[in-house]
N, C-alpha and C. Protein backbone atom coordinates (compact mmCIF):
# COMPACT_ATOMS: atom_id res chain seq x y z
N MET A 1 -50.23 -9.20 6.51
CA MET A 1 -50.57 -7.91 5.92
C MET A 1 -50.73 -8.06 4.41
N GLN A 2 -51.83 -7.51 3.86
CA GLN A 2 -52.05 -7.64 2.43
C GLN A 2 -51.06 -6.79 1.65
N SER A 3 -50.80 -7.21 0.40
CA SER A 3 -49.88 -6.46 -0.43
C SER A 3 -50.52 -5.14 -0.86
N SER A 4 -49.70 -4.13 -1.04
CA SER A 4 -50.22 -2.81 -1.38
C SER A 4 -50.62 -2.74 -2.85
N LEU A 5 -51.66 -1.94 -3.14
CA LEU A 5 -52.07 -1.71 -4.52
C LEU A 5 -51.14 -0.73 -5.22
N PHE A 6 -50.34 -0.01 -4.44
CA PHE A 6 -49.47 1.02 -4.99
C PHE A 6 -48.03 0.80 -4.52
N GLU A 7 -47.08 1.09 -5.40
CA GLU A 7 -45.67 0.88 -5.08
C GLU A 7 -45.04 2.20 -4.62
N PHE A 8 -44.79 2.31 -3.33
CA PHE A 8 -44.16 3.50 -2.77
C PHE A 8 -42.64 3.35 -2.81
N LYS A 9 -41.97 4.47 -3.00
CA LYS A 9 -40.51 4.50 -2.87
C LYS A 9 -40.19 4.95 -1.45
N HIS A 10 -39.53 4.09 -0.70
CA HIS A 10 -39.22 4.41 0.69
C HIS A 10 -37.89 5.14 0.79
N SER A 11 -37.84 6.16 1.61
CA SER A 11 -36.66 7.01 1.74
C SER A 11 -36.12 6.96 3.16
N ASP A 12 -34.82 7.07 3.28
CA ASP A 12 -34.17 7.11 4.59
C ASP A 12 -33.86 8.54 5.02
N SER A 13 -34.45 9.52 4.34
CA SER A 13 -34.16 10.92 4.64
C SER A 13 -34.53 11.26 6.07
N THR A 14 -33.63 11.93 6.77
CA THR A 14 -33.89 12.35 8.15
C THR A 14 -33.79 13.87 8.29
N ILE A 15 -33.80 14.58 7.16
CA ILE A 15 -33.67 16.03 7.20
C ILE A 15 -34.92 16.64 7.84
N ASN A 16 -34.70 17.50 8.83
CA ASN A 16 -35.79 18.18 9.52
C ASN A 16 -35.92 19.59 8.97
N LEU A 17 -37.11 19.94 8.47
CA LEU A 17 -37.35 21.27 7.91
C LEU A 17 -37.40 22.35 8.98
N LEU A 18 -37.67 21.95 10.21
CA LEU A 18 -37.87 22.93 11.28
C LEU A 18 -36.59 23.12 12.09
N PRO A 19 -36.27 24.36 12.45
CA PRO A 19 -35.04 24.62 13.19
C PRO A 19 -35.11 24.24 14.66
N ARG A 20 -36.32 24.12 15.21
CA ARG A 20 -36.48 23.80 16.64
C ARG A 20 -37.95 23.46 16.91
N ASP A 21 -38.20 22.94 18.10
CA ASP A 21 -39.56 22.75 18.62
C ASP A 21 -40.44 21.87 17.73
N GLY A 22 -39.87 20.86 17.12
CA GLY A 22 -40.69 19.96 16.32
C GLY A 22 -39.88 19.30 15.21
N SER A 23 -40.57 18.49 14.43
CA SER A 23 -39.92 17.77 13.35
C SER A 23 -40.87 17.65 12.17
N ALA A 24 -40.40 18.05 10.98
CA ALA A 24 -41.16 17.92 9.74
C ALA A 24 -40.23 17.34 8.69
N GLN A 25 -40.57 16.15 8.21
CA GLN A 25 -39.74 15.43 7.25
C GLN A 25 -40.45 15.44 5.89
N TYR A 26 -39.74 15.89 4.84
CA TYR A 26 -40.32 15.97 3.49
C TYR A 26 -39.71 14.88 2.61
N LEU A 27 -40.57 14.07 2.00
CA LEU A 27 -40.13 12.97 1.12
C LEU A 27 -40.73 13.18 -0.26
N PRO A 28 -39.93 13.60 -1.25
CA PRO A 28 -40.46 13.83 -2.60
C PRO A 28 -40.61 12.54 -3.39
N GLU A 29 -41.56 12.54 -4.31
CA GLU A 29 -41.72 11.47 -5.30
C GLU A 29 -41.74 10.07 -4.69
N VAL A 30 -42.59 9.86 -3.72
CA VAL A 30 -42.68 8.52 -3.14
C VAL A 30 -43.54 7.59 -3.98
N LEU A 31 -44.27 8.17 -4.93
CA LEU A 31 -45.17 7.42 -5.78
C LEU A 31 -44.94 7.83 -7.23
N GLY A 32 -44.90 6.87 -8.15
CA GLY A 32 -44.70 7.18 -9.56
C GLY A 32 -45.85 8.01 -10.13
N ASP A 33 -45.57 8.74 -11.21
CA ASP A 33 -46.57 9.64 -11.79
C ASP A 33 -47.84 8.93 -12.21
N VAL A 34 -47.70 7.74 -12.81
CA VAL A 34 -48.88 7.01 -13.27
C VAL A 34 -49.74 6.56 -12.09
N HIS A 35 -49.10 6.00 -11.05
CA HIS A 35 -49.83 5.59 -9.86
C HIS A 35 -50.49 6.79 -9.18
N ALA A 36 -49.79 7.92 -9.13
CA ALA A 36 -50.34 9.12 -8.49
C ALA A 36 -51.57 9.62 -9.24
N ALA A 37 -51.49 9.64 -10.58
CA ALA A 37 -52.63 10.09 -11.38
C ALA A 37 -53.82 9.15 -11.25
N ASN A 38 -53.55 7.84 -11.26
CA ASN A 38 -54.62 6.86 -11.11
C ASN A 38 -55.29 6.98 -9.75
N LEU A 39 -54.48 7.16 -8.70
CA LEU A 39 -55.02 7.28 -7.36
C LEU A 39 -55.88 8.53 -7.23
N MET A 40 -55.42 9.63 -7.78
CA MET A 40 -56.19 10.88 -7.70
C MET A 40 -57.54 10.72 -8.38
N ASP A 41 -57.56 10.07 -9.53
CA ASP A 41 -58.81 9.83 -10.25
C ASP A 41 -59.75 8.92 -9.44
N GLN A 42 -59.19 7.85 -8.88
CA GLN A 42 -60.00 6.91 -8.10
C GLN A 42 -60.61 7.58 -6.87
N LEU A 43 -59.83 8.42 -6.20
CA LEU A 43 -60.33 9.09 -5.00
C LEU A 43 -61.48 10.04 -5.32
N GLN A 44 -61.39 10.72 -6.44
CA GLN A 44 -62.46 11.64 -6.81
C GLN A 44 -63.76 10.90 -7.13
N ARG A 45 -63.64 9.66 -7.63
CA ARG A 45 -64.82 8.89 -8.01
C ARG A 45 -65.37 8.04 -6.87
N SER A 46 -64.53 7.61 -5.93
CA SER A 46 -64.96 6.61 -4.95
C SER A 46 -65.42 7.19 -3.62
N LEU A 47 -65.15 8.48 -3.36
CA LEU A 47 -65.51 9.07 -2.07
C LEU A 47 -66.66 10.06 -2.20
N ALA A 48 -67.36 10.27 -1.10
CA ALA A 48 -68.41 11.29 -1.04
C ALA A 48 -67.75 12.60 -0.58
N TRP A 49 -67.56 13.50 -1.53
CA TRP A 49 -66.91 14.77 -1.24
C TRP A 49 -67.96 15.82 -0.89
N GLU A 50 -67.66 16.64 0.11
CA GLU A 50 -68.58 17.69 0.53
C GLU A 50 -67.83 19.00 0.69
N SER A 51 -68.54 20.10 0.50
CA SER A 51 -67.94 21.40 0.80
C SER A 51 -67.64 21.45 2.29
N ASP A 52 -66.50 22.00 2.64
CA ASP A 52 -66.15 22.09 4.05
C ASP A 52 -66.97 23.18 4.72
N GLN A 53 -67.31 22.96 5.98
CA GLN A 53 -68.06 23.95 6.75
C GLN A 53 -67.29 24.28 8.02
N LEU A 54 -67.13 25.57 8.28
CA LEU A 54 -66.38 26.06 9.43
C LEU A 54 -67.25 27.02 10.23
N ILE A 55 -67.04 27.07 11.53
CA ILE A 55 -67.69 28.06 12.37
C ILE A 55 -66.69 29.17 12.66
N LEU A 56 -66.92 30.35 12.13
CA LEU A 56 -66.03 31.50 12.33
C LEU A 56 -66.84 32.65 12.92
N PHE A 57 -66.42 33.10 14.10
CA PHE A 57 -67.10 34.21 14.77
C PHE A 57 -68.60 33.94 14.90
N GLY A 58 -68.94 32.67 15.19
CA GLY A 58 -70.32 32.31 15.42
C GLY A 58 -71.15 32.06 14.17
N LYS A 59 -70.54 32.19 13.00
CA LYS A 59 -71.28 31.99 11.75
C LYS A 59 -70.73 30.77 11.01
N LYS A 60 -71.63 30.00 10.39
CA LYS A 60 -71.21 28.83 9.61
C LYS A 60 -70.80 29.28 8.21
N ILE A 61 -69.57 28.94 7.85
CA ILE A 61 -69.01 29.31 6.55
C ILE A 61 -68.84 28.04 5.71
N THR A 62 -69.31 28.08 4.46
CA THR A 62 -69.13 26.95 3.55
C THR A 62 -68.03 27.29 2.56
N THR A 63 -67.02 26.44 2.47
CA THR A 63 -65.87 26.71 1.61
C THR A 63 -66.04 26.09 0.23
N ARG A 64 -65.30 26.61 -0.71
CA ARG A 64 -65.25 26.03 -2.07
C ARG A 64 -64.48 24.72 -2.05
N ARG A 65 -63.49 24.64 -1.18
CA ARG A 65 -62.71 23.43 -1.01
C ARG A 65 -63.60 22.27 -0.59
N LYS A 66 -63.35 21.07 -1.12
CA LYS A 66 -64.12 19.89 -0.78
C LYS A 66 -63.32 19.01 0.19
N VAL A 67 -64.04 18.29 1.05
CA VAL A 67 -63.38 17.42 2.02
C VAL A 67 -64.06 16.06 2.08
N ALA A 68 -63.31 15.07 2.53
CA ALA A 68 -63.84 13.75 2.82
C ALA A 68 -63.12 13.23 4.06
N TRP A 69 -63.88 12.72 5.03
CA TRP A 69 -63.31 12.20 6.27
C TRP A 69 -63.53 10.69 6.28
N VAL A 70 -62.44 9.94 6.35
CA VAL A 70 -62.48 8.48 6.26
C VAL A 70 -61.79 7.91 7.50
N GLY A 71 -62.33 6.80 8.03
CA GLY A 71 -61.66 6.23 9.19
C GLY A 71 -62.37 5.02 9.76
N ASP A 72 -61.82 4.51 10.86
CA ASP A 72 -62.45 3.42 11.59
C ASP A 72 -63.78 3.91 12.17
N LEU A 73 -64.63 2.99 12.57
CA LEU A 73 -66.01 3.31 12.94
C LEU A 73 -66.13 4.39 14.01
N ASP A 74 -65.27 4.37 15.02
CA ASP A 74 -65.41 5.29 16.15
C ASP A 74 -64.62 6.59 16.00
N CYS A 75 -64.14 6.85 14.79
CA CYS A 75 -63.25 8.00 14.60
C CYS A 75 -64.00 9.26 14.18
N SER A 76 -64.93 9.75 15.04
CA SER A 76 -65.52 11.06 14.76
C SER A 76 -64.47 12.12 15.06
N TYR A 77 -64.68 13.29 14.41
CA TYR A 77 -63.64 14.31 14.46
C TYR A 77 -64.31 15.67 14.40
N THR A 78 -63.91 16.59 15.27
CA THR A 78 -64.49 17.93 15.28
C THR A 78 -63.40 18.96 15.05
N TYR A 79 -63.62 19.83 14.06
CA TYR A 79 -62.71 20.97 13.92
C TYR A 79 -63.52 22.16 13.42
N SER A 80 -63.08 23.33 13.85
CA SER A 80 -63.78 24.59 13.57
C SER A 80 -65.26 24.49 13.93
N GLY A 81 -65.55 23.76 15.01
CA GLY A 81 -66.91 23.70 15.52
C GLY A 81 -67.85 22.77 14.81
N VAL A 82 -67.36 21.98 13.86
CA VAL A 82 -68.22 21.07 13.10
C VAL A 82 -67.75 19.63 13.31
N LYS A 83 -68.67 18.76 13.72
CA LYS A 83 -68.34 17.35 13.96
C LYS A 83 -68.54 16.55 12.69
N LYS A 84 -67.56 15.69 12.38
CA LYS A 84 -67.62 14.87 11.18
C LYS A 84 -67.57 13.39 11.55
N SER A 85 -68.42 12.59 10.90
CA SER A 85 -68.40 11.14 11.09
C SER A 85 -67.73 10.52 9.87
N PRO A 86 -66.94 9.45 10.07
CA PRO A 86 -66.11 8.94 8.97
C PRO A 86 -66.86 8.10 7.94
N GLN A 87 -66.42 8.22 6.70
CA GLN A 87 -66.78 7.26 5.67
C GLN A 87 -65.94 6.01 5.87
N ALA A 88 -66.38 4.90 5.28
CA ALA A 88 -65.62 3.65 5.38
C ALA A 88 -64.38 3.71 4.50
N TRP A 89 -63.36 2.98 4.91
CA TRP A 89 -62.13 2.87 4.11
C TRP A 89 -62.44 2.21 2.77
N THR A 90 -61.85 2.73 1.71
CA THR A 90 -61.89 2.07 0.40
C THR A 90 -60.64 1.21 0.26
N PRO A 91 -60.63 0.23 -0.66
CA PRO A 91 -59.40 -0.56 -0.86
C PRO A 91 -58.18 0.30 -1.18
N GLU A 92 -58.38 1.35 -1.98
CA GLU A 92 -57.26 2.23 -2.33
C GLU A 92 -56.69 2.92 -1.09
N LEU A 93 -57.59 3.43 -0.23
CA LEU A 93 -57.12 4.15 0.94
C LEU A 93 -56.48 3.22 1.97
N LEU A 94 -56.99 2.01 2.09
CA LEU A 94 -56.35 1.05 2.99
C LEU A 94 -54.94 0.71 2.51
N SER A 95 -54.77 0.62 1.21
CA SER A 95 -53.45 0.34 0.65
C SER A 95 -52.49 1.50 0.92
N ILE A 96 -52.98 2.73 0.71
CA ILE A 96 -52.14 3.90 0.97
C ILE A 96 -51.84 4.01 2.47
N LYS A 97 -52.82 3.73 3.31
CA LYS A 97 -52.61 3.79 4.76
C LYS A 97 -51.48 2.85 5.18
N GLN A 98 -51.48 1.66 4.61
CA GLN A 98 -50.42 0.69 4.93
C GLN A 98 -49.05 1.26 4.59
N GLU A 99 -48.93 1.89 3.43
CA GLU A 99 -47.64 2.45 3.02
C GLU A 99 -47.25 3.64 3.89
N MET A 100 -48.22 4.48 4.23
CA MET A 100 -47.92 5.65 5.05
C MET A 100 -47.52 5.24 6.46
N GLU A 101 -48.11 4.17 6.96
CA GLU A 101 -47.72 3.67 8.28
C GLU A 101 -46.27 3.19 8.28
N GLU A 102 -45.84 2.58 7.19
CA GLU A 102 -44.44 2.15 7.09
C GLU A 102 -43.50 3.34 7.01
N LEU A 103 -43.90 4.36 6.25
CA LEU A 103 -43.06 5.55 6.13
C LEU A 103 -42.94 6.28 7.47
N ALA A 104 -44.06 6.40 8.18
CA ALA A 104 -44.07 7.16 9.43
C ALA A 104 -43.71 6.33 10.64
N GLN A 105 -43.67 4.99 10.45
CA GLN A 105 -43.43 4.08 11.57
C GLN A 105 -44.44 4.32 12.70
N SER A 106 -45.71 4.38 12.29
CA SER A 106 -46.78 4.62 13.24
C SER A 106 -48.09 4.09 12.65
N GLU A 107 -49.06 3.79 13.51
CA GLU A 107 -50.36 3.33 13.05
C GLU A 107 -51.32 4.51 12.94
N PHE A 108 -52.21 4.46 11.93
CA PHE A 108 -53.22 5.49 11.72
C PHE A 108 -54.60 4.83 11.68
N ASN A 109 -55.61 5.56 12.14
CA ASN A 109 -56.97 5.03 12.08
C ASN A 109 -57.94 5.95 11.36
N SER A 110 -57.41 6.98 10.70
CA SER A 110 -58.28 7.94 10.01
C SER A 110 -57.48 8.72 8.97
N CYS A 111 -58.24 9.35 8.07
CA CYS A 111 -57.61 10.15 7.02
C CYS A 111 -58.56 11.29 6.64
N LEU A 112 -58.05 12.51 6.69
CA LEU A 112 -58.78 13.68 6.22
C LEU A 112 -58.26 14.03 4.83
N LEU A 113 -59.17 14.07 3.85
CA LEU A 113 -58.79 14.39 2.48
C LEU A 113 -59.35 15.76 2.12
N ASN A 114 -58.53 16.58 1.48
CA ASN A 114 -58.94 17.90 1.00
C ASN A 114 -58.74 17.96 -0.50
N LEU A 115 -59.75 18.44 -1.20
CA LEU A 115 -59.68 18.64 -2.65
C LEU A 115 -59.65 20.13 -2.94
N TYR A 116 -58.52 20.59 -3.45
CA TYR A 116 -58.35 21.99 -3.82
C TYR A 116 -58.49 22.11 -5.34
N HIS A 117 -59.48 22.85 -5.81
CA HIS A 117 -59.75 22.91 -7.25
C HIS A 117 -58.63 23.60 -8.02
N ASP A 118 -58.07 24.64 -7.43
CA ASP A 118 -56.99 25.41 -8.05
C ASP A 118 -56.36 26.29 -6.98
N GLY A 119 -55.56 27.25 -7.40
CA GLY A 119 -54.86 28.09 -6.43
C GLY A 119 -55.74 29.03 -5.64
N ASP A 120 -57.00 29.19 -6.03
CA ASP A 120 -57.93 30.02 -5.25
C ASP A 120 -58.40 29.31 -3.99
N ASP A 121 -58.23 28.00 -3.93
CA ASP A 121 -58.54 27.24 -2.72
C ASP A 121 -57.28 27.11 -1.88
N GLY A 122 -57.40 27.33 -0.60
CA GLY A 122 -56.25 27.19 0.29
C GLY A 122 -56.69 26.83 1.69
N MET A 123 -55.76 26.92 2.62
CA MET A 123 -56.04 26.63 4.03
C MET A 123 -55.28 27.64 4.88
N GLY A 124 -55.98 28.34 5.75
CA GLY A 124 -55.35 29.37 6.57
C GLY A 124 -54.49 28.78 7.68
N TRP A 125 -53.85 29.65 8.43
CA TRP A 125 -52.92 29.24 9.49
C TRP A 125 -53.68 28.50 10.59
N HIS A 126 -53.17 27.34 10.97
CA HIS A 126 -53.79 26.52 12.01
C HIS A 126 -52.80 25.47 12.49
N SER A 127 -53.14 24.81 13.58
CA SER A 127 -52.40 23.64 14.06
C SER A 127 -53.36 22.47 14.13
N ASP A 128 -52.86 21.29 13.88
CA ASP A 128 -53.68 20.08 14.00
C ASP A 128 -53.59 19.60 15.46
N ASP A 129 -54.31 20.30 16.32
CA ASP A 129 -54.19 20.02 17.76
C ASP A 129 -55.55 19.83 18.42
N GLU A 130 -56.54 19.37 17.65
CA GLU A 130 -57.86 19.12 18.22
C GLU A 130 -57.78 18.03 19.29
N LYS A 131 -58.69 18.08 20.23
CA LYS A 131 -58.62 17.20 21.40
C LYS A 131 -58.74 15.73 21.02
N GLU A 132 -59.38 15.42 19.88
CA GLU A 132 -59.53 14.02 19.46
C GLU A 132 -58.23 13.41 18.96
N LEU A 133 -57.27 14.22 18.54
CA LEU A 133 -56.04 13.71 17.96
C LEU A 133 -55.06 13.26 19.04
N ASP A 134 -54.37 12.16 18.78
CA ASP A 134 -53.30 11.68 19.65
C ASP A 134 -52.10 12.60 19.44
N ALA A 135 -51.82 13.44 20.42
CA ALA A 135 -50.76 14.45 20.27
C ALA A 135 -49.37 13.83 20.15
N SER A 136 -49.21 12.59 20.59
CA SER A 136 -47.90 11.95 20.53
C SER A 136 -47.64 11.27 19.19
N ALA A 137 -48.68 11.08 18.38
CA ALA A 137 -48.56 10.37 17.10
C ALA A 137 -48.21 11.34 15.98
N PRO A 138 -47.46 10.88 14.97
CA PRO A 138 -47.17 11.74 13.82
C PRO A 138 -48.40 11.94 12.96
N ILE A 139 -48.36 12.95 12.11
CA ILE A 139 -49.37 13.17 11.08
C ILE A 139 -48.65 13.09 9.75
N ALA A 140 -49.13 12.20 8.88
CA ALA A 140 -48.45 11.96 7.60
C ALA A 140 -49.36 12.38 6.46
N SER A 141 -48.84 13.23 5.59
CA SER A 141 -49.65 13.86 4.55
C SER A 141 -49.10 13.53 3.16
N LEU A 142 -49.97 13.02 2.29
CA LEU A 142 -49.61 12.70 0.90
C LEU A 142 -50.26 13.72 -0.03
N SER A 143 -49.45 14.32 -0.92
CA SER A 143 -49.95 15.31 -1.87
C SER A 143 -50.05 14.69 -3.27
N LEU A 144 -51.17 14.96 -3.94
CA LEU A 144 -51.38 14.49 -5.31
C LEU A 144 -51.83 15.67 -6.18
N GLY A 145 -51.27 15.75 -7.38
CA GLY A 145 -51.71 16.81 -8.30
C GLY A 145 -50.80 18.02 -8.29
N ALA A 146 -51.43 19.20 -8.35
CA ALA A 146 -50.69 20.45 -8.51
C ALA A 146 -49.71 20.70 -7.36
N GLN A 147 -48.52 21.19 -7.72
CA GLN A 147 -47.56 21.60 -6.69
C GLN A 147 -48.09 22.86 -6.00
N ARG A 148 -48.05 22.87 -4.66
CA ARG A 148 -48.54 24.02 -3.91
C ARG A 148 -47.54 24.45 -2.85
N LYS A 149 -47.56 25.74 -2.55
CA LYS A 149 -46.68 26.29 -1.52
C LYS A 149 -47.33 26.12 -0.15
N PHE A 150 -46.59 25.50 0.75
CA PHE A 150 -47.00 25.22 2.12
C PHE A 150 -46.02 25.95 3.01
N ALA A 151 -46.44 26.30 4.22
CA ALA A 151 -45.50 27.00 5.11
C ALA A 151 -45.80 26.67 6.57
N PHE A 152 -44.74 26.69 7.36
CA PHE A 152 -44.83 26.59 8.81
C PHE A 152 -44.58 27.98 9.40
N ARG A 153 -45.24 28.28 10.52
CA ARG A 153 -45.01 29.55 11.22
C ARG A 153 -44.97 29.29 12.72
N HIS A 154 -43.86 29.68 13.35
CA HIS A 154 -43.71 29.46 14.79
C HIS A 154 -44.69 30.34 15.55
N LYS A 155 -45.32 29.78 16.56
CA LYS A 155 -46.37 30.50 17.29
C LYS A 155 -45.83 31.68 18.11
N GLU A 156 -44.56 31.62 18.50
CA GLU A 156 -44.02 32.68 19.35
C GLU A 156 -43.35 33.78 18.55
N ASP A 157 -42.30 33.45 17.80
CA ASP A 157 -41.54 34.51 17.11
C ASP A 157 -41.90 34.66 15.64
N LYS A 158 -42.89 33.88 15.15
CA LYS A 158 -43.40 33.98 13.78
C LYS A 158 -42.38 33.61 12.70
N THR A 159 -41.31 32.91 13.09
CA THR A 159 -40.39 32.37 12.08
C THR A 159 -41.20 31.54 11.08
N THR A 160 -40.96 31.78 9.78
CA THR A 160 -41.73 31.12 8.74
C THR A 160 -40.82 30.25 7.87
N ILE A 161 -41.23 28.99 7.66
CA ILE A 161 -40.47 28.04 6.86
C ILE A 161 -41.34 27.57 5.70
N PRO A 162 -41.02 27.99 4.45
CA PRO A 162 -41.83 27.54 3.31
C PRO A 162 -41.31 26.22 2.73
N VAL A 163 -42.22 25.47 2.13
CA VAL A 163 -41.84 24.25 1.40
C VAL A 163 -42.86 24.03 0.29
N TYR A 164 -42.38 23.67 -0.90
CA TYR A 164 -43.27 23.38 -2.02
C TYR A 164 -43.61 21.90 -2.01
N LEU A 165 -44.90 21.60 -1.86
CA LEU A 165 -45.36 20.21 -1.83
C LEU A 165 -45.63 19.75 -3.26
N GLU A 166 -44.78 18.86 -3.74
CA GLU A 166 -44.87 18.39 -5.11
C GLU A 166 -45.84 17.21 -5.23
N ASN A 167 -46.23 16.91 -6.47
CA ASN A 167 -47.06 15.75 -6.73
C ASN A 167 -46.38 14.49 -6.20
N ALA A 168 -47.14 13.65 -5.50
CA ALA A 168 -46.67 12.35 -4.99
C ALA A 168 -45.61 12.49 -3.90
N SER A 169 -45.65 13.60 -3.17
CA SER A 169 -44.71 13.80 -2.06
C SER A 169 -45.41 13.56 -0.72
N VAL A 170 -44.61 13.29 0.31
CA VAL A 170 -45.13 13.05 1.65
C VAL A 170 -44.47 14.01 2.63
N LEU A 171 -45.27 14.54 3.54
CA LEU A 171 -44.78 15.38 4.62
C LEU A 171 -45.19 14.71 5.94
N ILE A 172 -44.22 14.46 6.81
CA ILE A 172 -44.50 13.82 8.10
C ILE A 172 -44.16 14.80 9.21
N MET A 173 -45.17 15.15 9.99
CA MET A 173 -44.99 16.07 11.13
C MET A 173 -45.05 15.26 12.42
N ARG A 174 -44.02 15.40 13.23
CA ARG A 174 -43.95 14.63 14.48
C ARG A 174 -44.06 15.56 15.69
N SER A 175 -44.49 14.97 16.80
CA SER A 175 -44.62 15.71 18.06
C SER A 175 -43.25 16.28 18.46
N PRO A 176 -43.20 17.53 19.00
CA PRO A 176 -44.31 18.40 19.41
C PRO A 176 -44.62 19.50 18.40
N THR A 177 -44.53 19.22 17.10
CA THR A 177 -44.70 20.25 16.07
C THR A 177 -45.99 21.05 16.24
N GLN A 178 -47.11 20.36 16.46
CA GLN A 178 -48.40 21.05 16.52
C GLN A 178 -48.50 21.99 17.72
N LYS A 179 -47.73 21.73 18.77
CA LYS A 179 -47.75 22.58 19.95
C LYS A 179 -47.09 23.93 19.70
N PHE A 180 -46.05 23.94 18.87
CA PHE A 180 -45.26 25.15 18.69
C PHE A 180 -45.41 25.82 17.33
N TRP A 181 -45.95 25.10 16.34
CA TRP A 181 -46.01 25.63 14.98
C TRP A 181 -47.43 25.59 14.43
N GLN A 182 -47.74 26.60 13.62
CA GLN A 182 -48.92 26.56 12.76
C GLN A 182 -48.47 26.24 11.34
N HIS A 183 -49.41 25.86 10.48
CA HIS A 183 -49.07 25.64 9.08
C HIS A 183 -50.24 26.09 8.21
N ALA A 184 -49.96 26.32 6.94
CA ALA A 184 -50.98 26.82 6.01
C ALA A 184 -50.64 26.38 4.60
N LEU A 185 -51.70 26.21 3.78
CA LEU A 185 -51.53 26.01 2.34
C LEU A 185 -51.89 27.34 1.69
N LEU A 186 -50.90 28.00 1.10
CA LEU A 186 -51.06 29.36 0.63
C LEU A 186 -51.74 29.41 -0.74
N LYS A 187 -52.62 30.40 -0.91
CA LYS A 187 -53.31 30.56 -2.19
C LYS A 187 -52.36 31.14 -3.24
N SER A 188 -52.66 30.86 -4.52
CA SER A 188 -51.82 31.36 -5.61
C SER A 188 -52.62 31.46 -6.89
N LYS A 189 -52.60 32.61 -7.53
CA LYS A 189 -53.28 32.80 -8.81
C LYS A 189 -52.57 32.05 -9.94
N LYS A 190 -51.34 31.60 -9.69
CA LYS A 190 -50.56 30.91 -10.73
C LYS A 190 -50.95 29.44 -10.87
N VAL A 191 -51.69 28.90 -9.92
CA VAL A 191 -52.04 27.47 -9.94
C VAL A 191 -53.44 27.31 -10.52
N SER A 192 -53.54 26.59 -11.64
CA SER A 192 -54.83 26.45 -12.33
C SER A 192 -55.37 25.02 -12.30
N THR A 193 -54.62 24.09 -11.72
CA THR A 193 -55.05 22.69 -11.69
C THR A 193 -55.31 22.23 -10.26
N SER A 194 -55.92 21.06 -10.11
CA SER A 194 -56.39 20.61 -8.81
C SER A 194 -55.32 19.84 -8.03
N ARG A 195 -55.58 19.70 -6.74
CA ARG A 195 -54.70 18.97 -5.84
C ARG A 195 -55.55 18.26 -4.80
N ILE A 196 -55.17 17.03 -4.46
CA ILE A 196 -55.78 16.33 -3.34
C ILE A 196 -54.70 16.06 -2.30
N ASN A 197 -55.01 16.36 -1.05
CA ASN A 197 -54.11 16.09 0.05
C ASN A 197 -54.76 15.07 0.99
N LEU A 198 -54.02 14.01 1.32
CA LEU A 198 -54.50 12.98 2.23
C LEU A 198 -53.69 13.07 3.51
N THR A 199 -54.34 13.38 4.63
CA THR A 199 -53.65 13.52 5.89
C THR A 199 -54.06 12.40 6.83
N PHE A 200 -53.12 11.50 7.09
CA PHE A 200 -53.38 10.34 7.94
C PHE A 200 -53.08 10.69 9.39
N ARG A 201 -54.03 10.32 10.27
CA ARG A 201 -53.97 10.74 11.66
C ARG A 201 -54.33 9.57 12.58
N LYS A 202 -54.06 9.76 13.86
CA LYS A 202 -54.50 8.80 14.87
C LYS A 202 -55.45 9.49 15.83
N ILE A 203 -56.70 9.05 15.80
CA ILE A 203 -57.74 9.61 16.65
C ILE A 203 -57.77 8.81 17.96
N LEU A 204 -57.94 9.52 19.07
CA LEU A 204 -58.12 8.87 20.36
C LEU A 204 -59.57 8.39 20.45
N ILE A 205 -59.75 7.09 20.65
CA ILE A 205 -61.09 6.51 20.72
C ILE A 205 -61.61 6.59 22.14
N GLN A 206 -62.77 7.21 22.32
CA GLN A 206 -63.35 7.33 23.64
C GLN A 206 -63.80 5.97 24.17
N ASN A 207 -63.55 5.73 25.45
CA ASN A 207 -63.95 4.48 26.11
C ASN A 207 -63.30 3.25 25.51
N ALA A 208 -62.13 3.46 24.82
CA ALA A 208 -61.43 2.32 24.22
C ALA A 208 -60.72 1.54 25.30
């Protein structure tokens, strides 16, 4: 295994943010400020970012938020009615993937990146439960840039668990979290700077 371009701080934290029906582990400051800032700059320059497109009530909606889908060759991905084909891994993303796999103790073959310009960009309530995703595999998310308020909401009784995702923090969601919980990145007029979120996933490869 090649050495990583970035030095992650590994944590033994086992604290679960969720009271039941899943597991969400929050790891703050896994990456130093300088490495986090350099990585955020490199990602903005090295990837092809596009406005996200969603199908809502039969209409195609284009968001202000930008996205980039990166992964192995066969890792196409469909959400909100729009199919995405992956960009190739960059050296930076392969290095981060290696570190995230060690943190999550799982292999990943894809990464969805979201660029939020400021607090006016957000993500509504949803679960990462698309048919292409391996439901048994964890989803590991790295946050860079502005601190943002994130929340979980139980699908049955609407119990809500908030957490502030800080710069250079990691959130690991394990099965069966997506079955029982939704999550959202909440908008805020108080946030004036940008944030990039990298969500590492395992896609089920057809005919593999």
